[in-house]
Amino acid sequence: MLAVKVPKREAEKTRRKLIELGVLARGYSVKREGEFILFPVTGPVKGFELVEAEFEKTKRRPHSYREVVEVPEKLRPLLPSSFDIIGDVAIIELPEELMPYGEDIGEAILKVHRHIKAVFAKGSKVEGEYRVRELIRLAGERRTETLHRENGIRLRLDVAKVYFSPRLATERMRIFEKTQPGEIVFDMFAGVGPYSILLAKKAKLIFACDINPWAVRYLEENRQLNKTPNVIPILADVRKIAGKIEADRVIMNLPKFADRFLREAMLSVKDGGIVHYYGFGPEENLFSEHEAKINDIASELGFHVEFLDERKVRPYAPRQFNIAIDFRVLK
């Protein structure tokens, strides 16, 4: 095979030049000969010493665990195309038919994604007061605590003890961009602080409430980790502190049950303040049921609401979506 031969000191400069000219042969490893480097090329190149050489083909790194995992052919269509990555922990949802091959699937994920250190399967739905799920270890390290990075912040958490979804990173940034300097924010279901810690980089003060003591413990740790002393962690049922806080902005990230806490949210927001409400809605009628509940509670309290924005956040189940409604409360 034709090759360009250059001294080691000129290797990087030459590599860039060959790429620019479009003559560097892909799929082969460069070769070292003493003080020289040999680059495989697709044809003659002016200005360089050309030699004949043999090169080893580079092994293409698989892009998906599905390329390397061994399961019966008839079950391959059931392999999930995606999974959640939280820090260095992967959490995958496997159909019952694939559970006997869970260890093989876990090992395949570790092989393809070198930064992942532990793989778990979802063993139940998110449930209970603390919104956590059972996890089944498939492969890797025997731990559930990790350090997750998103939107320029770091969040320490235990995936078995607190609720956290990495799929909401874009939504959290959307709220950050809407938040104004000097605002007071009430994060009603704060978890380990993905909204609170991020918004604290901009807002004046964040009251971050959660009923799960593990979430609040990690929230306190994350406040220190990110140097955001303006986050105030509160371990409590949000119903007990509603109305004691007067916020410019309220976040209601509890989509399954947020409608049950609309009264508390409206009592805790200033006149003209904004509420970010989350829920679940069927594809054919995403928002109207939630709008009706919001209007009913406002009417009971003698308030008015102005709907500012409505959007699909992400798919939740077949023909079901996690939705967001931003509305202003006028008292």
C-alpha atoms as a PDB file:
ATOM      1  CA  MET A   1       0.000   0.000   0.000  1.00  0.00           C
ATOM      2  CA  LEU A   2       1.212   3.531  -0.779  1.00  0.00           C
ATOM      3  CA  ALA A   3       2.371   5.581   2.231  1.00  0.00           C
ATOM      4  CA  VAL A   4       3.733   9.022   3.108  1.00  0.00           C
ATOM      5  CA  LYS A   5       6.859   8.840   5.273  1.00  0.00           C
ATOM      6  CA  VAL A   6       7.717  11.783   7.566  1.00  0.00           C
ATOM      7  CA  PRO A   7       9.827  12.414  10.714  1.00  0.00           C
ATOM      8  CA  LYS A   8       7.917  12.036  14.000  1.00  0.00           C
ATOM      9  CA  ARG A   9       8.130  15.772  14.717  1.00  0.00           C
ATOM     10  CA  GLU A  10       6.159  16.506  11.530  1.00  0.00           C
ATOM     11  CA  ALA A  11       3.546  13.755  12.029  1.00  0.00           C
ATOM     12  CA  GLU A  12       0.603  15.798  13.346  1.00  0.00           C
ATOM     13  CA  LYS A  13       1.113  18.608  10.811  1.00  0.00           C
ATOM     14  CA  THR A  14       1.285  16.014   8.010  1.00  0.00           C
ATOM     15  CA  ARG A  15      -1.803  14.149   9.224  1.00  0.00           C
ATOM     16  CA  ARG A  16      -3.853  17.350   9.138  1.00  0.00           C
ATOM     17  CA  LYS A  17      -2.532  18.179   5.649  1.00  0.00           C
ATOM     18  CA  LEU A  18      -3.388  14.718   4.291  1.00  0.00           C
ATOM     19  CA  ILE A  19      -6.926  14.977   5.726  1.00  0.00           C
ATOM     20  CA  GLU A  20      -7.279  18.414   4.157  1.00  0.00           C
ATOM     21  CA  LEU A  21      -6.198  17.011   0.767  1.00  0.00           C
ATOM     22  CA  GLY A  22      -8.597  14.088   1.173  1.00  0.00           C
ATOM     23  CA  VAL A  23      -5.911  11.455   0.561  1.00  0.00           C
ATOM     24  CA  LEU A  24      -5.489   9.872   4.029  1.00  0.00           C
ATOM     25  CA  ALA A  25      -6.670   6.259   3.742  1.00  0.00           C
ATOM     26  CA  ARG A  26      -9.390   5.536   6.321  1.00  0.00           C
ATOM     27  CA  GLY A  27      -9.630   2.338   8.335  1.00  0.00           C
ATOM     28  CA  TYR A  28      -5.896   1.755   8.797  1.00  0.00           C
ATOM     29  CA  SER A  29      -3.524   2.336  11.736  1.00  0.00           C
ATOM     30  CA  VAL A  30      -0.472   4.569  11.144  1.00  0.00           C
ATOM     31  CA  LYS A  31       2.891   2.792  11.272  1.00  0.00           C
ATOM     32  CA  ARG A  32       6.043   3.693  13.203  1.00  0.00           C
ATOM     33  CA  GLU A  33       9.519   2.961  11.810  1.00  0.00           C
ATOM     34  CA  GLY A  34      12.271   4.236  14.092  1.00  0.00           C
ATOM     35  CA  GLU A  35      12.156   8.045  13.981  1.00  0.00           C
ATOM     36  CA  PHE A  36       9.582   8.085  11.167  1.00  0.00           C
ATOM     37  CA  ILE A  37       5.795   7.824  10.874  1.00  0.00           C
ATOM     38  CA  LEU A  38       4.096   6.255   7.863  1.00  0.00           C
ATOM     39  CA  PHE A  39       0.603   7.380   6.824  1.00  0.00           C
ATOM     40  CA  PRO A  40      -1.479   5.203   4.433  1.00  0.00           C
ATOM     41  CA  VAL A  41      -2.677   7.256   1.448  1.00  0.00           C
ATOM     42  CA  THR A  42      -5.078   6.617  -1.400  1.00  0.00           C
ATOM     43  CA  GLY A  43      -2.741   7.926  -4.103  1.00  0.00           C
ATOM     44  CA  PRO A  44       0.449   9.902  -4.875  1.00  0.00           C
ATOM     45  CA  VAL A  45       0.923  13.152  -2.888  1.00  0.00           C
ATOM     46  CA  LYS A  46       3.201  15.887  -4.157  1.00  0.00           C
ATOM     47  CA  GLY A  47       5.863  17.201  -1.808  1.00  0.00           C
ATOM     48  CA  PHE A  48       6.115  14.086   0.381  1.00  0.00           C
ATOM     49  CA  GLU A  49       8.362  11.014   0.390  1.00  0.00           C
ATOM     50  CA  LEU A  50       6.306   8.049  -0.828  1.00  0.00           C
ATOM     51  CA  VAL A  51       7.022   4.402   0.086  1.00  0.00           C
ATOM     52  CA  GLU A  52       5.278   1.046  -0.078  1.00  0.00           C
ATOM     53  CA  ALA A  53       4.145  -0.391   3.276  1.00  0.00           C
ATOM     54  CA  GLU A  54       1.664  -2.797   4.845  1.00  0.00           C
ATOM     55  CA  PHE A  55      -0.853  -1.447   7.364  1.00  0.00           C
ATOM     56  CA  GLU A  56      -3.125  -3.099   9.904  1.00  0.00           C
ATOM     57  CA  LYS A  57      -6.817  -2.410   9.582  1.00  0.00           C
ATOM     58  CA  THR A  58      -8.305  -0.550  12.559  1.00  0.00           C
ATOM     59  CA  LYS A  59     -11.138  -2.265  14.380  1.00  0.00           C
ATOM     60  CA  ARG A  60     -14.360  -0.271  14.161  1.00  0.00           C
ATOM     61  CA  ARG A  61     -15.674   0.466  17.622  1.00  0.00           C
ATOM     62  CA  PRO A  62     -19.321  -0.602  17.979  1.00  0.00           C
ATOM     63  CA  HIS A  63     -21.773   2.278  18.404  1.00  0.00           C
ATOM     64  CA  SER A  64     -24.444   0.324  20.264  1.00  0.00           C
ATOM     65  CA  TYR A  65     -24.516  -2.522  22.787  1.00  0.00           C
ATOM     66  CA  ARG A  66     -26.946  -4.249  20.409  1.00  0.00           C
ATOM     67  CA  GLU A  67     -24.067  -4.845  17.987  1.00  0.00           C
ATOM     68  CA  VAL A  68     -22.141  -6.986  20.493  1.00  0.00           C
ATOM     69  CA  VAL A  69     -24.717  -8.565  22.810  1.00  0.00           C
ATOM     70  CA  GLU A  70     -25.615 -12.225  22.295  1.00  0.00           C
ATOM     71  CA  VAL A  71     -29.304 -13.024  22.639  1.00  0.00           C
ATOM     72  CA  PRO A  72     -31.530 -15.386  20.598  1.00  0.00           C
ATOM     73  CA  GLU A  73     -32.256 -13.928  17.162  1.00  0.00           C
ATOM     74  CA  LYS A  74     -36.017 -13.914  17.752  1.00  0.00           C
ATOM     75  CA  LEU A  75     -35.530 -11.646  20.822  1.00  0.00           C
ATOM     76  CA  ARG A  76     -33.294  -9.083  19.083  1.00  0.00           C
ATOM     77  CA  PRO A  77     -36.224  -6.837  18.063  1.00  0.00           C
ATOM     78  CA  LEU A  78     -37.042  -6.477  21.794  1.00  0.00           C
ATOM     79  CA  LEU A  79     -33.628  -4.982  22.700  1.00  0.00           C
ATOM     80  CA  PRO A  80     -34.211  -1.360  23.835  1.00  0.00           C
ATOM     81  CA  SER A  81     -32.662   1.240  21.551  1.00  0.00           C
ATOM     82  CA  SER A  82     -31.912   3.596  24.452  1.00  0.00           C
ATOM     83  CA  PHE A  83     -31.402   3.733  28.204  1.00  0.00           C
ATOM     84  CA  ASP A  84     -30.811   6.398  30.847  1.00  0.00           C
ATOM     85  CA  ILE A  85     -27.273   7.347  31.815  1.00  0.00           C
ATOM     86  CA  ILE A  86     -26.977   9.044  35.203  1.00  0.00           C
ATOM     87  CA  GLY A  87     -23.363   9.872  35.937  1.00  0.00           C
ATOM     88  CA  ASP A  88     -21.543   6.575  35.386  1.00  0.00           C
ATOM     89  CA  VAL A  89     -24.645   4.426  35.998  1.00  0.00           C
ATOM     90  CA  ALA A  90     -26.890   3.066  33.231  1.00  0.00           C
ATOM     91  CA  ILE A  91     -30.549   2.178  33.853  1.00  0.00           C
ATOM     92  CA  ILE A  92     -32.321   0.165  31.174  1.00  0.00           C
ATOM     93  CA  GLU A  93     -35.929  -1.003  30.858  1.00  0.00           C
ATOM     94  CA  LEU A  94     -36.018  -4.646  29.740  1.00  0.00           C
ATOM     95  CA  PRO A  95     -39.110  -6.609  28.708  1.00  0.00           C
ATOM     96  CA  GLU A  96     -39.686  -9.772  30.714  1.00  0.00           C
ATOM     97  CA  GLU A  97     -38.474 -11.979  27.845  1.00  0.00           C
ATOM     98  CA  LEU A  98     -35.005 -10.388  27.989  1.00  0.00           C
ATOM     99  CA  MET A  99     -34.495 -10.549  31.761  1.00  0.00           C
ATOM    100  CA  PRO A 100     -32.791 -14.003  31.606  1.00  0.00           C
ATOM    101  CA  TYR A 101     -30.161 -12.321  29.388  1.00  0.00           C
ATOM    102  CA  GLY A 102     -29.815  -9.296  31.669  1.00  0.00           C
ATOM    103  CA  GLU A 103     -26.203 -10.000  32.657  1.00  0.00           C
ATOM    104  CA  ASP A 104     -25.145 -10.338  28.993  1.00  0.00           C
ATOM    105  CA  ILE A 105     -26.920  -7.081  28.141  1.00  0.00           C
ATOM    106  CA  GLY A 106     -25.268  -5.318  31.090  1.00  0.00           C
ATOM    107  CA  GLU A 107     -21.807  -6.559  30.092  1.00  0.00           C
ATOM    108  CA  ALA A 108     -22.390  -5.443  26.489  1.00  0.00           C
ATOM    109  CA  ILE A 109     -23.291  -1.935  27.682  1.00  0.00           C
ATOM    110  CA  LEU A 110     -20.096  -1.805  29.785  1.00  0.00           C
ATOM    111  CA  LYS A 111     -18.044  -2.974  26.815  1.00  0.00           C
ATOM    112  CA  VAL A 112     -19.362  -0.330  24.409  1.00  0.00           C
ATOM    113  CA  HIS A 113     -19.677   2.586  26.870  1.00  0.00           C
ATOM    114  CA  ARG A 114     -16.386   2.639  28.736  1.00  0.00           C
ATOM    115  CA  HIS A 115     -17.392   5.511  31.048  1.00  0.00           C
ATOM    116  CA  ILE A 116     -20.314   3.478  32.473  1.00  0.00           C
ATOM    117  CA  LYS A 117     -19.340   1.527  35.599  1.00  0.00           C
ATOM    118  CA  ALA A 118     -22.631  -0.077  36.682  1.00  0.00           C
ATOM    119  CA  VAL A 119     -25.760  -1.246  34.831  1.00  0.00           C
ATOM    120  CA  PHE A 120     -29.204  -1.763  36.364  1.00  0.00           C
ATOM    121  CA  ALA A 121     -32.592  -2.821  35.021  1.00  0.00           C
ATOM    122  CA  LYS A 122     -35.805  -1.162  36.125  1.00  0.00           C
ATOM    123  CA  GLY A 123     -37.483  -3.580  38.494  1.00  0.00           C
ATOM    124  CA  SER A 124     -40.664  -1.583  39.072  1.00  0.00           C
ATOM    125  CA  LYS A 125     -42.394   1.656  38.162  1.00  0.00           C
ATOM    126  CA  VAL A 126     -41.621   4.877  40.009  1.00  0.00           C
ATOM    127  CA  GLU A 127     -43.888   4.635  43.043  1.00  0.00           C
ATOM    128  CA  GLY A 128     -44.450   5.595  46.651  1.00  0.00           C
ATOM    129  CA  GLU A 129     -44.159   8.896  48.462  1.00  0.00           C
ATOM    130  CA  TYR A 130     -40.459   9.177  47.616  1.00  0.00           C
ATOM    131  CA  ARG A 131     -40.936   8.429  43.866  1.00  0.00           C
ATOM    132  CA  VAL A 132     -38.303   5.686  43.655  1.00  0.00           C
ATOM    133  CA  ARG A 133     -38.175   2.353  41.844  1.00  0.00           C
ATOM    134  CA  GLU A 134     -36.657  -1.057  42.484  1.00  0.00           C
ATOM    135  CA  LEU A 135     -33.412  -1.595  40.547  1.00  0.00           C
ATOM    136  CA  ILE A 136     -31.951  -4.970  39.516  1.00  0.00           C
ATOM    137  CA  ARG A 137     -28.180  -5.071  39.124  1.00  0.00           C
ATOM    138  CA  LEU A 138     -27.099  -6.522  35.769  1.00  0.00           C
ATOM    139  CA  ALA A 139     -23.353  -5.846  35.603  1.00  0.00           C
ATOM    140  CA  GLY A 140     -20.512  -3.681  36.878  1.00  0.00           C
ATOM    141  CA  GLU A 141     -19.872  -2.173  40.284  1.00  0.00           C
ATOM    142  CA  ARG A 142     -22.177  -2.906  43.216  1.00  0.00           C
ATOM    143  CA  ARG A 143     -23.173   0.688  43.975  1.00  0.00           C
ATOM    144  CA  THR A 144     -26.014   3.065  43.190  1.00  0.00           C
ATOM    145  CA  GLU A 145     -24.443   6.418  44.135  1.00  0.00           C
ATOM    146  CA  THR A 146     -22.992   8.492  41.323  1.00  0.00           C
ATOM    147  CA  LEU A 147     -21.996  12.011  40.265  1.00  0.00           C
ATOM    148  CA  HIS A 148     -24.025  13.380  37.351  1.00  0.00           C
ATOM    149  CA  ARG A 149     -23.087  16.403  35.250  1.00  0.00           C
ATOM    150  CA  GLU A 150     -25.509  18.493  33.211  1.00  0.00           C
ATOM    151  CA  ASN A 151     -25.927  22.140  32.233  1.00  0.00           C
ATOM    152  CA  GLY A 152     -22.652  23.073  33.917  1.00  0.00           C
ATOM    153  CA  ILE A 153     -23.600  21.756  37.374  1.00  0.00           C
ATOM    154  CA  ARG A 154     -22.727  18.589  39.313  1.00  0.00           C
ATOM    155  CA  LEU A 155     -25.275  16.485  41.159  1.00  0.00           C
ATOM    156  CA  ARG A 156     -24.441  13.688  43.560  1.00  0.00           C
ATOM    157  CA  LEU A 157     -27.271  11.218  44.089  1.00  0.00           C
ATOM    158  CA  ASP A 158     -28.212   7.626  44.759  1.00  0.00           C
ATOM    159  CA  VAL A 159     -30.376   6.280  41.925  1.00  0.00           C
ATOM    160  CA  ALA A 160     -31.968   3.732  44.282  1.00  0.00           C
ATOM    161  CA  LYS A 161     -33.001   6.288  46.919  1.00  0.00           C
ATOM    162  CA  VAL A 162     -34.135   9.365  44.984  1.00  0.00           C
ATOM    163  CA  TYR A 163     -36.005  10.205  41.780  1.00  0.00           C
ATOM    164  CA  PHE A 164     -33.947  11.714  38.968  1.00  0.00           C
ATOM    165  CA  SER A 165     -34.458  11.877  35.207  1.00  0.00           C
ATOM    166  CA  PRO A 166     -31.561  12.922  32.952  1.00  0.00           C
ATOM    167  CA  ARG A 167     -34.087  13.338  30.127  1.00  0.00           C
ATOM    168  CA  LEU A 168     -35.274  16.662  31.569  1.00  0.00           C
ATOM    169  CA  ALA A 169     -31.942  18.474  31.175  1.00  0.00           C
ATOM    170  CA  THR A 170     -33.231  20.523  28.215  1.00  0.00           C
ATOM    171  CA  GLU A 171     -36.410  21.446  30.081  1.00  0.00           C
ATOM    172  CA  ARG A 172     -34.403  22.565  33.103  1.00  0.00           C
ATOM    173  CA  MET A 173     -32.298  24.810  30.858  1.00  0.00           C
ATOM    174  CA  ARG A 174     -35.498  26.264  29.355  1.00  0.00           C
ATOM    175  CA  ILE A 175     -36.633  27.380  32.823  1.00  0.00           C
ATOM    176  CA  PHE A 176     -33.149  28.720  33.595  1.00  0.00           C
ATOM    177  CA  GLU A 177     -33.301  30.926  30.505  1.00  0.00           C
ATOM    178  CA  LYS A 178     -36.684  32.325  31.580  1.00  0.00           C
ATOM    179  CA  THR A 179     -35.543  33.035  35.153  1.00  0.00           C
ATOM    180  CA  GLN A 180     -34.539  36.633  35.849  1.00  0.00           C
ATOM    181  CA  PRO A 181     -31.766  37.883  38.167  1.00  0.00           C
ATOM    182  CA  GLY A 182     -33.132  38.856  41.583  1.00  0.00           C
ATOM    183  CA  GLU A 183     -36.056  36.415  41.512  1.00  0.00           C
ATOM    184  CA  ILE A 184     -37.198  34.275  44.426  1.00  0.00           C
ATOM    185  CA  VAL A 185     -38.020  30.724  43.266  1.00  0.00           C
ATOM    186  CA  PHE A 186     -39.991  27.991  45.030  1.00  0.00           C
ATOM    187  CA  ASP A 187     -39.059  24.494  43.810  1.00  0.00           C
ATOM    188  CA  MET A 188     -41.911  22.480  45.315  1.00  0.00           C
ATOM    189  CA  PHE A 189     -40.599  18.971  44.543  1.00  0.00           C
ATOM    190  CA  ALA A 190     -36.887  19.659  44.378  1.00  0.00           C
ATOM    191  CA  GLY A 191     -35.346  16.172  44.592  1.00  0.00           C
ATOM    192  CA  VAL A 192     -31.540  16.425  44.671  1.00  0.00           C
ATOM    193  CA  GLY A 193     -31.700  19.908  43.132  1.00  0.00           C
ATOM    194  CA  PRO A 194     -31.429  19.707  39.314  1.00  0.00           C
ATOM    195  CA  TYR A 195     -33.697  22.755  38.931  1.00  0.00           C
ATOM    196  CA  SER A 196     -32.727  24.509  42.165  1.00  0.00           C
ATOM    197  CA  ILE A 197     -28.942  24.299  41.802  1.00  0.00           C
ATOM    198  CA  LEU A 198     -29.095  25.421  38.161  1.00  0.00           C
ATOM    199  CA  LEU A 199     -31.469  28.335  38.820  1.00  0.00           C
ATOM    200  CA  ALA A 200     -29.383  29.436  41.813  1.00  0.00           C
ATOM    201  CA  LYS A 201     -26.712  30.536  39.333  1.00  0.00           C
ATOM    202  CA  LYS A 202     -29.132  33.293  38.278  1.00  0.00           C
ATOM    203  CA  ALA A 203     -31.922  33.811  40.824  1.00  0.00           C
ATOM    204  CA  LYS A 204     -31.567  35.572  44.176  1.00  0.00           C
ATOM    205  CA  LEU A 205     -32.990  32.828  46.398  1.00  0.00           C
ATOM    206  CA  ILE A 206     -34.324  29.281  45.872  1.00  0.00           C
ATOM    207  CA  PHE A 207     -36.561  27.538  48.402  1.00  0.00           C
ATOM    208  CA  ALA A 208     -36.111  23.830  47.561  1.00  0.00           C
ATOM    209  CA  CYS A 209     -38.589  21.482  49.226  1.00  0.00           C
ATOM    210  CA  ASP A 210     -38.840  17.693  49.209  1.00  0.00           C
ATOM    211  CA  ILE A 211     -40.465  15.088  51.432  1.00  0.00           C
ATOM    212  CA  ASN A 212     -37.709  12.495  50.842  1.00  0.00           C
ATOM    213  CA  PRO A 213     -34.948  12.859  53.484  1.00  0.00           C
ATOM    214  CA  TRP A 214     -32.408  11.244  51.127  1.00  0.00           C
ATOM    215  CA  ALA A 215     -33.190  13.821  48.448  1.00  0.00           C
ATOM    216  CA  VAL A 216     -32.725  16.681  50.896  1.00  0.00           C
ATOM    217  CA  ARG A 217     -29.474  15.181  52.178  1.00  0.00           C
ATOM    218  CA  TYR A 218     -28.097  15.098  48.624  1.00  0.00           C
ATOM    219  CA  LEU A 219     -29.559  18.536  47.928  1.00  0.00           C
ATOM    220  CA  GLU A 220     -27.551  19.921  50.847  1.00  0.00           C
ATOM    221  CA  GLU A 221     -24.415  18.201  49.524  1.00  0.00           C
ATOM    222  CA  ASN A 222     -25.034  19.512  45.999  1.00  0.00           C
ATOM    223  CA  ARG A 223     -25.544  23.033  47.311  1.00  0.00           C
ATOM    224  CA  GLN A 224     -22.016  22.892  48.747  1.00  0.00           C
ATOM    225  CA  LEU A 225     -20.585  21.079  45.725  1.00  0.00           C
ATOM    226  CA  ASN A 226     -21.815  23.807  43.362  1.00  0.00           C
ATOM    227  CA  LYS A 227     -21.211  26.739  45.752  1.00  0.00           C
ATOM    228  CA  THR A 228     -24.853  27.866  45.713  1.00  0.00           C
ATOM    229  CA  PRO A 229     -25.587  29.009  49.284  1.00  0.00           C
ATOM    230  CA  ASN A 230     -28.740  30.787  48.021  1.00  0.00           C
ATOM    231  CA  VAL A 231     -30.459  27.373  47.805  1.00  0.00           C
ATOM    232  CA  ILE A 232     -32.443  26.726  50.990  1.00  0.00           C
ATOM    233  CA  PRO A 233     -33.180  22.972  51.404  1.00  0.00           C
ATOM    234  CA  ILE A 234     -36.482  22.208  53.176  1.00  0.00           C
ATOM    235  CA  LEU A 235     -37.427  18.706  54.328  1.00  0.00           C
ATOM    236  CA  ALA A 236     -41.233  18.837  54.528  1.00  0.00           C
ATOM    237  CA  ASP A 237     -44.570  17.993  52.982  1.00  0.00           C
ATOM    238  CA  VAL A 238     -45.052  20.959  50.670  1.00  0.00           C
ATOM    239  CA  ARG A 239     -48.643  21.379  51.920  1.00  0.00           C
ATOM    240  CA  LYS A 240     -47.291  22.437  55.314  1.00  0.00           C
ATOM    241  CA  ILE A 241     -45.242  25.349  53.981  1.00  0.00           C
ATOM    242  CA  ALA A 242     -47.449  26.590  51.129  1.00  0.00           C
ATOM    243  CA  GLY A 243     -48.384  30.220  51.561  1.00  0.00           C
ATOM    244  CA  LYS A 244     -45.437  30.884  53.878  1.00  0.00           C
ATOM    245  CA  ILE A 245     -43.255  31.576  50.840  1.00  0.00           C
ATOM    246  CA  GLU A 246     -43.895  34.407  48.380  1.00  0.00           C
ATOM    247  CA  ALA A 247     -42.088  33.520  45.142  1.00  0.00           C
ATOM    248  CA  ASP A 248     -41.732  35.125  41.736  1.00  0.00           C
ATOM    249  CA  ARG A 249     -41.595  31.673  40.144  1.00  0.00           C
ATOM    250  CA  VAL A 250     -42.883  28.262  41.264  1.00  0.00           C
ATOM    251  CA  ILE A 251     -41.754  24.915  39.797  1.00  0.00           C
ATOM    252  CA  MET A 252     -44.125  21.938  40.026  1.00  0.00           C
ATOM    253  CA  ASN A 253     -42.091  19.017  38.675  1.00  0.00           C
ATOM    254  CA  LEU A 254     -44.347  16.207  39.905  1.00  0.00           C
ATOM    255  CA  PRO A 255     -46.212  15.314  36.696  1.00  0.00           C
ATOM    256  CA  LYS A 256     -48.260  12.429  38.070  1.00  0.00           C
ATOM    257  CA  PHE A 257     -49.731  14.400  40.971  1.00  0.00           C
ATOM    258  CA  ALA A 258     -48.994  18.111  40.362  1.00  0.00           C
ATOM    259  CA  ASP A 259     -52.715  18.868  39.918  1.00  0.00           C
ATOM    260  CA  ARG A 260     -53.254  17.953  43.594  1.00  0.00           C
ATOM    261  CA  PHE A 261     -50.932  20.788  44.656  1.00  0.00           C
ATOM    262  CA  LEU A 262     -52.206  23.641  42.478  1.00  0.00           C
ATOM    263  CA  ARG A 263     -53.753  25.418  45.463  1.00  0.00           C
ATOM    264  CA  GLU A 264     -50.398  25.346  47.298  1.00  0.00           C
ATOM    265  CA  ALA A 265     -48.578  26.647  44.229  1.00  0.00           C
ATOM    266  CA  MET A 266     -50.956  29.562  43.685  1.00  0.00           C
ATOM    267  CA  LEU A 267     -50.867  30.542  47.347  1.00  0.00           C
ATOM    268  CA  SER A 268     -47.059  30.600  47.219  1.00  0.00           C
ATOM    269  CA  VAL A 269     -46.617  32.793  44.134  1.00  0.00           C
ATOM    270  CA  LYS A 270     -46.693  36.594  44.076  1.00  0.00           C
ATOM    271  CA  ASP A 271     -49.326  38.553  42.178  1.00  0.00           C
ATOM    272  CA  GLY A 272     -48.145  38.336  38.581  1.00  0.00           C
ATOM    273  CA  GLY A 273     -45.779  35.474  39.370  1.00  0.00           C
ATOM    274  CA  ILE A 274     -45.299  32.446  37.126  1.00  0.00           C
ATOM    275  CA  VAL A 275     -45.966  28.758  37.774  1.00  0.00           C
ATOM    276  CA  HIS A 276     -44.261  26.003  35.756  1.00  0.00           C
ATOM    277  CA  TYR A 277     -46.679  23.070  35.920  1.00  0.00           C
ATOM    278  CA  TYR A 278     -45.958  19.531  34.689  1.00  0.00           C
ATOM    279  CA  GLY A 279     -48.365  16.719  33.955  1.00  0.00           C
ATOM    280  CA  PHE A 280     -49.137  13.758  31.711  1.00  0.00           C
ATOM    281  CA  GLY A 281     -51.554  13.957  28.809  1.00  0.00           C
ATOM    282  CA  PRO A 282     -52.878  11.706  26.031  1.00  0.00           C
ATOM    283  CA  GLU A 283     -51.685  12.547  22.514  1.00  0.00           C
ATOM    284  CA  GLU A 284     -55.180  13.475  21.309  1.00  0.00           C
ATOM    285  CA  ASN A 285     -55.842  15.919  24.168  1.00  0.00           C
ATOM    286  CA  LEU A 286     -52.626  17.049  25.838  1.00  0.00           C
ATOM    287  CA  PHE A 287     -53.558  20.183  27.760  1.00  0.00           C
ATOM    288  CA  SER A 288     -57.297  20.855  28.167  1.00  0.00           C
ATOM    289  CA  GLU A 289     -57.857  18.668  31.258  1.00  0.00           C
ATOM    290  CA  HIS A 290     -54.940  20.346  33.033  1.00  0.00           C
ATOM    291  CA  GLU A 291     -56.095  23.813  31.953  1.00  0.00           C
ATOM    292  CA  ALA A 292     -59.523  23.107  33.439  1.00  0.00           C
ATOM    293  CA  LYS A 293     -58.030  22.076  36.791  1.00  0.00           C
ATOM    294  CA  ILE A 294     -55.785  25.163  36.861  1.00  0.00           C
ATOM    295  CA  ASN A 295     -58.756  27.451  36.118  1.00  0.00           C
ATOM    296  CA  ASP A 296     -60.957  25.717  38.723  1.00  0.00           C
ATOM    297  CA  ILE A 297     -58.422  26.183  41.552  1.00  0.00           C
ATOM    298  CA  ALA A 298     -57.751  29.799  40.539  1.00  0.00           C
ATOM    299  CA  SER A 299     -61.479  30.484  40.552  1.00  0.00           C
ATOM    300  CA  GLU A 300     -61.886  28.926  44.017  1.00  0.00           C
ATOM    301  CA  LEU A 301     -59.148  31.208  45.336  1.00  0.00           C
ATOM    302  CA  GLY A 302     -60.540  34.270  43.572  1.00  0.00           C
ATOM    303  CA  PHE A 303     -57.510  34.494  41.287  1.00  0.00           C
ATOM    304  CA  HIS A 304     -57.158  34.668  37.504  1.00  0.00           C
ATOM    305  CA  VAL A 305     -54.605  32.846  35.361  1.00  0.00           C
ATOM    306  CA  GLU A 306     -52.986  33.745  32.071  1.00  0.00           C
ATOM    307  CA  PHE A 307     -51.587  30.812  30.074  1.00  0.00           C
ATOM    308  CA  LEU A 308     -48.159  31.709  28.675  1.00  0.00           C
ATOM    309  CA  ASP A 309     -46.796  28.532  27.098  1.00  0.00           C
ATOM    310  CA  GLU A 310     -47.789  24.896  26.597  1.00  0.00           C
ATOM    311  CA  ARG A 311     -45.464  22.245  25.270  1.00  0.00           C
ATOM    312  CA  LYS A 312     -44.714  18.541  24.981  1.00  0.00           C
ATOM    313  CA  VAL A 313     -41.611  17.774  27.060  1.00  0.00           C
ATOM    314  CA  ARG A 314     -41.025  14.127  26.119  1.00  0.00           C
ATOM    315  CA  PRO A 315     -42.879  10.890  25.344  1.00  0.00           C
ATOM    316  CA  TYR A 316     -43.903   9.078  28.512  1.00  0.00           C
ATOM    317  CA  ALA A 317     -45.749   5.984  27.290  1.00  0.00           C
ATOM    318  CA  PRO A 318     -47.402   4.955  24.006  1.00  0.00           C
ATOM    319  CA  ARG A 319     -49.491   7.962  22.891  1.00  0.00           C
ATOM    320  CA  GLN A 320     -48.822   9.671  26.256  1.00  0.00           C
ATOM    321  CA  PHE A 321     -46.631  12.713  26.834  1.00  0.00           C
ATOM    322  CA  ASN A 322     -45.035  14.546  29.731  1.00  0.00           C
ATOM    323  CA  ILE A 323     -46.350  18.097  29.217  1.00  0.00           C
ATOM    324  CA  ALA A 324     -45.481  21.540  30.586  1.00  0.00           C
ATOM    325  CA  ILE A 325     -47.805  24.488  31.103  1.00  0.00           C
ATOM    326  CA  ASP A 326     -46.447  27.896  32.122  1.00  0.00           C
ATOM    327  CA  PHE A 327     -49.071  30.256  33.549  1.00  0.00           C
ATOM    328  CA  ARG A 328     -49.159  33.611  35.317  1.00  0.00           C
ATOM    329  CA  VAL A 329     -51.256  34.076  38.479  1.00  0.00           C
ATOM    330  CA  LEU A 330     -53.126  37.364  38.865  1.00  0.00           C
ATOM    331  CA  LYS A 331     -54.471  38.009  42.355  1.00  0.00           C
END
